[in-house]
Protein backbone atom coordinates (compact mmCIF):
# COMPACT_ATOMS: atom_id res chain seq x y z
CA MET A 1 8.40 8.80 -21.26
CA LEU A 2 7.80 5.19 -20.24
CA TRP A 3 6.31 6.42 -16.96
CA ILE A 4 3.13 7.58 -18.73
CA PRO A 5 1.79 4.15 -19.75
CA PHE A 6 2.85 2.70 -16.38
CA THR A 7 0.98 5.47 -14.55
CA LEU A 8 -2.13 4.93 -16.66
CA LEU A 9 -1.94 1.17 -16.12
CA ALA A 10 -1.53 1.67 -12.37
CA ALA A 11 -4.54 4.02 -12.22
CA PHE A 12 -6.65 1.58 -14.25
CA THR A 13 -5.73 -1.44 -12.15
CA GLN A 14 -6.33 0.47 -8.91
CA ALA A 15 -9.80 1.50 -10.10
CA LEU A 16 -10.48 -2.09 -11.17
CA ARG A 17 -9.30 -3.41 -7.79
CA ASN A 18 -11.54 -0.98 -5.89
CA ALA A 19 -14.53 -1.91 -8.06
CA GLN A 20 -13.90 -5.60 -7.44
CA GLN A 21 -13.55 -4.98 -3.70
CA LYS A 22 -16.84 -3.10 -3.71
CA GLN A 23 -18.55 -6.00 -5.51
CA LEU A 24 -16.96 -8.63 -3.26
CA SER A 25 -17.97 -6.69 -0.14
CA HIS A 26 -21.63 -7.48 -0.91
CA GLU A 27 -20.94 -11.21 -0.51
CA VAL A 28 -18.04 -11.39 2.00
CA ASN A 29 -17.33 -9.58 5.26
CA ALA A 30 -14.75 -6.78 5.44
CA LEU A 31 -12.00 -9.00 6.82
CA GLY A 32 -12.48 -11.52 3.99
CA VAL A 33 -12.32 -8.81 1.32
CA THR A 34 -9.14 -7.42 2.87
CA LEU A 35 -7.59 -10.87 3.12
CA ALA A 36 -8.34 -11.50 -0.56
CA ARG A 37 -6.65 -8.22 -1.50
CA PHE A 38 -3.45 -8.92 0.39
CA ILE A 39 -3.25 -12.62 -0.53
CA TRP A 40 -3.37 -11.68 -4.22
CA ALA A 41 -0.79 -8.94 -3.71
CA LEU A 42 1.83 -11.14 -2.02
CA PRO A 43 2.73 -13.33 -5.03
CA LEU A 44 2.88 -10.26 -7.28
CA ALA A 45 5.25 -8.52 -4.86
CA VAL A 46 7.47 -11.61 -4.63
CA LEU A 47 7.51 -11.95 -8.43
CA TYR A 48 8.41 -8.28 -8.82
CA LEU A 49 11.24 -8.59 -6.30
CA ALA A 50 12.54 -11.73 -8.04
CA LEU A 51 12.51 -9.93 -11.40
CA LEU A 52 14.41 -6.99 -9.92
CA TYR A 53 17.10 -9.26 -8.46
CA ALA A 54 17.29 -11.25 -11.72
CA SER A 55 17.74 -8.12 -13.83
CA THR A 56 20.18 -6.35 -11.48
CA PRO A 57 21.84 -8.66 -8.96
CA ALA A 58 22.51 -6.94 -5.67
CA GLU A 59 23.66 -7.79 -2.18
CA GLN A 60 20.89 -8.89 0.16
CA PRO A 61 19.91 -6.01 2.46
CA HIS A 62 20.32 -6.23 6.22
CA PHE A 63 17.51 -4.71 8.27
CA SER A 64 17.62 -3.50 11.85
CA ASN A 65 15.00 -4.58 14.36
CA ARG A 66 13.64 -1.02 14.44
CA PHE A 67 13.16 -1.07 10.66
CA VAL A 68 11.35 -4.42 10.79
CA PHE A 69 9.10 -3.06 13.57
CA ASP A 70 8.30 0.09 11.55
CA VAL A 71 7.48 -1.96 8.46
CA ALA A 72 5.26 -4.32 10.46
CA ALA A 73 3.43 -1.36 12.05
CA ALA A 74 2.91 0.24 8.64
CA ALA A 75 1.63 -3.05 7.21
CA PHE A 76 -0.83 -3.41 10.09
CA ALA A 77 -2.01 0.18 9.57
CA GLN A 78 -2.52 -0.50 5.85
CA ILE A 79 -4.55 -3.63 6.57
CA LEU A 80 -6.64 -1.80 9.18
CA ALA A 81 -7.27 1.11 6.78
CA THR A 82 -8.36 -1.33 4.08
CA ILE A 83 -10.81 -3.02 6.46
CA LEU A 84 -12.26 0.39 7.37
CA MET A 85 -12.56 1.35 3.67
CA VAL A 86 -14.43 -1.89 2.91
CA LEU A 87 -16.74 -1.25 5.87
CA LEU A 88 -17.51 2.17 4.39
CA PHE A 89 -18.33 0.54 1.06
CA GLN A 90 -20.59 -1.99 2.80
CA ARG A 91 -22.45 0.85 4.50
CA ARG A 92 -22.93 2.45 1.06
CA SER A 93 -20.69 5.38 1.97
CA TYR A 94 -18.99 5.25 -1.42
CA ALA A 95 -18.16 8.97 -1.61
CA THR A 96 -16.44 8.91 1.77
CA GLY A 97 -14.60 5.67 0.99
CA VAL A 98 -13.37 6.83 -2.39
CA GLY A 99 -12.41 10.25 -0.97
CA LEU A 100 -10.31 8.63 1.72
CA ALA A 101 -8.79 6.16 -0.76
CA LYS A 102 -7.85 8.97 -3.15
CA SER A 103 -6.28 11.06 -0.37
CA GLU A 104 -4.04 8.11 0.54
CA ALA A 105 -1.28 9.14 -1.89
CA LEU A 106 -1.15 12.70 -0.55
CA LEU A 107 -1.09 11.51 3.06
CA ALA A 108 1.64 8.97 2.25
CA ALA A 109 3.72 11.69 0.56
CA VAL A 110 3.41 14.06 3.53
CA LEU A 111 4.17 11.36 6.11
CA GLY A 112 7.01 10.02 3.96
CA SER A 113 8.55 13.49 3.76
CA VAL A 114 8.31 13.96 7.51
CA PHE A 115 9.75 10.50 8.17
CA SER A 116 12.55 11.02 5.66
CA ALA A 117 13.47 14.43 7.11
CA ARG A 118 13.47 12.96 10.62
CA CYS A 119 15.71 10.06 9.59
CA SER A 120 18.08 12.40 7.74
CA ALA A 121 18.32 14.68 10.75
CA GLN A 122 19.04 11.73 13.06
CA SER A 123 21.73 10.30 10.79
CA ALA A 124 23.36 13.73 10.53
CA GLY A 125 23.30 14.08 14.34
CA TRP A 126 20.92 17.04 14.34
CA ALA A 127 18.20 15.40 16.40
């Protein structure tokens, strides 16, 4: 049952982040707002990873070049989508921006399922 407070906290912080981005977008261009978002996220991600490794030591993963390329492409797509969302906020298209931001989880789930099925089929020799 611990997932409930974590889910509520995640929803609250995401709403807070979007509100702060909307406010910041009045003073800074879209690229600056996006940069601020990802610069703040990097230390949190590193801290989270360090806590995971401290609590449960594990062998360092080894990544293929294809995996690194896919991750870099996904990261670029996320940054581009964030810039476009901020541009929508700056043009006062809040309903469209929020609608696209809220559909992100569904789109990620669908694409993740397709990607996972494709990778499973390739590793099983079906594709």
